Amino acid sequence: MKPSIVNLLNSVCLITMGTWAYFDVDSPTALIPAFFGILLLMCHFGLKKENKLIAHIAVGLTFLILIALVGMRLPKSLDTGGVGLYRVIAMIITSSLSMFVFIKSFINARKKQD
């Protein structure tokens, strides 16, 4: 799977789930994943052109939102349960997949250089 495609999937998931959470709980902090999703969406065309700087920015943003989701949001969602837990799990899955594909593509690019 290409990094640009997986990044697009992740950004759409973050935007969708973050917006849904905002309307569900009416809290502005629920829009944080949506904001990260918009930033990642803006990286899409740079990733498609295999721009290294954009790829590193996308990895950094993905890593930040993944840490925030796992470290801060997941424990709260586990306590409350419900549909919010499924939203958080979906965002964690797509962000983890995105990180995996990014790291794999970096490794492959390094191997091509050698």
C-alpha atoms as a PDB file:
ATOM      1  CA  MET A   1       0.000   0.000   0.000  1.00  0.00           C
ATOM      2  CA  LYS A   2       1.315   3.449  -0.863  1.00  0.00           C
ATOM      3  CA  PRO A   3       1.894   6.069   1.854  1.00  0.00           C
ATOM      4  CA  SER A   4      -0.266   8.626   0.039  1.00  0.00           C
ATOM      5  CA  ILE A   5      -3.271   6.270  -0.025  1.00  0.00           C
ATOM      6  CA  VAL A   6      -2.923   5.230   3.605  1.00  0.00           C
ATOM      7  CA  ASN A   7      -2.455   8.882   4.621  1.00  0.00           C
ATOM      8  CA  LEU A   8      -5.640   9.786   2.738  1.00  0.00           C
ATOM      9  CA  LEU A   9      -7.524   7.007   4.537  1.00  0.00           C
ATOM     10  CA  ASN A  10      -6.170   8.149   7.899  1.00  0.00           C
ATOM     11  CA  SER A  11      -6.982  11.813   7.283  1.00  0.00           C
ATOM     12  CA  VAL A  12     -10.543  11.031   6.196  1.00  0.00           C
ATOM     13  CA  CYS A  13     -11.028   8.834   9.280  1.00  0.00           C
ATOM     14  CA  LEU A  14      -9.656  11.524  11.616  1.00  0.00           C
ATOM     15  CA  ILE A  15     -11.822  14.238  10.047  1.00  0.00           C
ATOM     16  CA  THR A  16     -14.952  12.083  10.051  1.00  0.00           C
ATOM     17  CA  MET A  17     -14.582  10.678  13.546  1.00  0.00           C
ATOM     18  CA  GLY A  18     -13.467  13.995  15.045  1.00  0.00           C
ATOM     19  CA  THR A  19     -16.398  15.863  13.522  1.00  0.00           C
ATOM     20  CA  TRP A  20     -18.833  13.139  14.577  1.00  0.00           C
ATOM     21  CA  ALA A  21     -17.456  13.278  18.138  1.00  0.00           C
ATOM     22  CA  TYR A  22     -17.844  17.061  18.198  1.00  0.00           C
ATOM     23  CA  PHE A  23     -21.521  16.854  17.306  1.00  0.00           C
ATOM     24  CA  ASP A  24     -22.013  13.932  19.694  1.00  0.00           C
ATOM     25  CA  VAL A  25     -20.421  15.451  22.814  1.00  0.00           C
ATOM     26  CA  ASP A  26     -20.383  19.159  21.854  1.00  0.00           C
ATOM     27  CA  SER A  27     -16.801  19.671  23.033  1.00  0.00           C
ATOM     28  CA  PRO A  28     -14.299  21.712  21.004  1.00  0.00           C
ATOM     29  CA  THR A  29     -11.469  19.333  21.991  1.00  0.00           C
ATOM     30  CA  ALA A  30     -13.205  16.634  19.941  1.00  0.00           C
ATOM     31  CA  LEU A  31     -12.134  18.606  16.854  1.00  0.00           C
ATOM     32  CA  ILE A  32      -8.412  18.035  17.539  1.00  0.00           C
ATOM     33  CA  PRO A  33      -8.309  14.808  15.475  1.00  0.00           C
ATOM     34  CA  ALA A  34     -10.244  16.570  12.701  1.00  0.00           C
ATOM     35  CA  PHE A  35      -7.657  19.380  12.706  1.00  0.00           C
ATOM     36  CA  PHE A  36      -4.832  16.839  12.409  1.00  0.00           C
ATOM     37  CA  GLY A  37      -6.807  15.109   9.648  1.00  0.00           C
ATOM     38  CA  ILE A  38      -7.010  18.367   7.689  1.00  0.00           C
ATOM     39  CA  LEU A  39      -3.250  18.907   8.075  1.00  0.00           C
ATOM     40  CA  LEU A  40      -2.593  15.344   6.906  1.00  0.00           C
ATOM     41  CA  LEU A  41      -4.960  15.829   3.988  1.00  0.00           C
ATOM     42  CA  MET A  42      -2.920  18.854   2.941  1.00  0.00           C
ATOM     43  CA  CYS A  43       0.142  16.560   2.838  1.00  0.00           C
ATOM     44  CA  HIS A  44      -1.541  14.175   0.371  1.00  0.00           C
ATOM     45  CA  PHE A  45      -0.282  15.669  -2.887  1.00  0.00           C
ATOM     46  CA  GLY A  46       3.257  16.060  -1.545  1.00  0.00           C
ATOM     47  CA  LEU A  47       3.224  12.404  -0.561  1.00  0.00           C
ATOM     48  CA  LYS A  48       1.946  11.481  -3.994  1.00  0.00           C
ATOM     49  CA  LYS A  49       4.960  13.259  -5.515  1.00  0.00           C
ATOM     50  CA  GLU A  50       7.221  11.481  -2.978  1.00  0.00           C
ATOM     51  CA  ASN A  51       8.389  14.731  -1.383  1.00  0.00           C
ATOM     52  CA  LYS A  52      10.661  13.769   1.530  1.00  0.00           C
ATOM     53  CA  LEU A  53       9.946  16.864   3.617  1.00  0.00           C
ATOM     54  CA  ILE A  54       6.181  16.404   3.323  1.00  0.00           C
ATOM     55  CA  ALA A  55       6.571  12.722   4.167  1.00  0.00           C
ATOM     56  CA  HIS A  56       8.453  13.575   7.353  1.00  0.00           C
ATOM     57  CA  ILE A  57       5.865  16.189   8.309  1.00  0.00           C
ATOM     58  CA  ALA A  58       3.073  13.648   7.762  1.00  0.00           C
ATOM     59  CA  VAL A  59       4.908  11.069   9.894  1.00  0.00           C
ATOM     60  CA  GLY A  60       5.384  13.616  12.685  1.00  0.00           C
ATOM     61  CA  LEU A  61       1.732  14.643  12.652  1.00  0.00           C
ATOM     62  CA  THR A  62       0.576  11.030  12.537  1.00  0.00           C
ATOM     63  CA  PHE A  63       2.866  10.121  15.430  1.00  0.00           C
ATOM     64  CA  LEU A  64       1.600  13.052  17.520  1.00  0.00           C
ATOM     65  CA  ILE A  65      -2.070  12.209  17.023  1.00  0.00           C
ATOM     66  CA  LEU A  66      -1.397   8.508  17.630  1.00  0.00           C
ATOM     67  CA  ILE A  67       0.329   9.265  20.952  1.00  0.00           C
ATOM     68  CA  ALA A  68      -2.514  11.608  21.947  1.00  0.00           C
ATOM     69  CA  LEU A  69      -5.153   9.030  21.058  1.00  0.00           C
ATOM     70  CA  VAL A  70      -3.466   6.124  22.836  1.00  0.00           C
ATOM     71  CA  GLY A  71      -2.086   7.998  25.823  1.00  0.00           C
ATOM     72  CA  MET A  72      -4.849  10.461  26.598  1.00  0.00           C
ATOM     73  CA  ARG A  73      -8.090   9.597  24.829  1.00  0.00           C
ATOM     74  CA  LEU A  74      -8.149   5.788  24.947  1.00  0.00           C
ATOM     75  CA  PRO A  75      -8.094   5.473  28.765  1.00  0.00           C
ATOM     76  CA  LYS A  76     -11.002   7.914  29.072  1.00  0.00           C
ATOM     77  CA  SER A  77     -12.940   6.133  26.336  1.00  0.00           C
ATOM     78  CA  LEU A  78     -12.347   2.764  27.991  1.00  0.00           C
ATOM     79  CA  ASP A  79     -13.894   4.124  31.189  1.00  0.00           C
ATOM     80  CA  THR A  80     -16.961   5.588  29.480  1.00  0.00           C
ATOM     81  CA  GLY A  81     -17.359   2.979  26.719  1.00  0.00           C
ATOM     82  CA  GLY A  82     -20.061   3.381  24.114  1.00  0.00           C
ATOM     83  CA  VAL A  83     -19.690   4.592  20.555  1.00  0.00           C
ATOM     84  CA  GLY A  84     -16.901   6.985  21.527  1.00  0.00           C
ATOM     85  CA  LEU A  85     -14.662   4.012  22.226  1.00  0.00           C
ATOM     86  CA  TYR A  86     -15.246   2.676  18.713  1.00  0.00           C
ATOM     87  CA  ARG A  87     -14.417   6.070  17.216  1.00  0.00           C
ATOM     88  CA  VAL A  88     -11.129   6.195  19.131  1.00  0.00           C
ATOM     89  CA  ILE A  89     -10.260   2.620  18.156  1.00  0.00           C
ATOM     90  CA  ALA A  90     -10.944   3.390  14.479  1.00  0.00           C
ATOM     91  CA  MET A  91      -8.644   6.437  14.614  1.00  0.00           C
ATOM     92  CA  ILE A  92      -5.928   4.439  16.399  1.00  0.00           C
ATOM     93  CA  ILE A  93      -6.126   1.650  13.821  1.00  0.00           C
ATOM     94  CA  THR A  94      -5.845   3.973  10.812  1.00  0.00           C
ATOM     95  CA  SER A  95      -3.073   6.019  12.433  1.00  0.00           C
ATOM     96  CA  SER A  96      -1.133   2.859  13.353  1.00  0.00           C
ATOM     97  CA  LEU A  97      -1.524   1.506   9.834  1.00  0.00           C
ATOM     98  CA  SER A  98      -0.338   4.818   8.469  1.00  0.00           C
ATOM     99  CA  MET A  99       2.755   4.786  10.714  1.00  0.00           C
ATOM    100  CA  PHE A 100       3.533   1.215   9.676  1.00  0.00           C
ATOM    101  CA  VAL A 101       3.321   2.052   5.962  1.00  0.00           C
ATOM    102  CA  PHE A 102       5.399   5.229   6.403  1.00  0.00           C
ATOM    103  CA  ILE A 103       8.156   3.364   8.238  1.00  0.00           C
ATOM    104  CA  LYS A 104       8.092   0.559   5.675  1.00  0.00           C
ATOM    105  CA  SER A 105       8.405   3.071   2.824  1.00  0.00           C
ATOM    106  CA  PHE A 106      11.320   4.810   4.573  1.00  0.00           C
ATOM    107  CA  ILE A 107      13.087   1.459   4.958  1.00  0.00           C
ATOM    108  CA  ASN A 108      12.480   0.607   1.287  1.00  0.00           C
ATOM    109  CA  ALA A 109      13.776   4.009   0.184  1.00  0.00           C
ATOM    110  CA  ARG A 110      16.926   3.492   2.269  1.00  0.00           C
ATOM    111  CA  LYS A 111      17.471   0.068   0.712  1.00  0.00           C
ATOM    112  CA  LYS A 112      17.179   1.570  -2.787  1.00  0.00           C
ATOM    113  CA  GLN A 113      19.941   4.073  -1.957  1.00  0.00           C
ATOM    114  CA  ASP A 114      22.403   1.321  -0.989  1.00  0.00           C
END
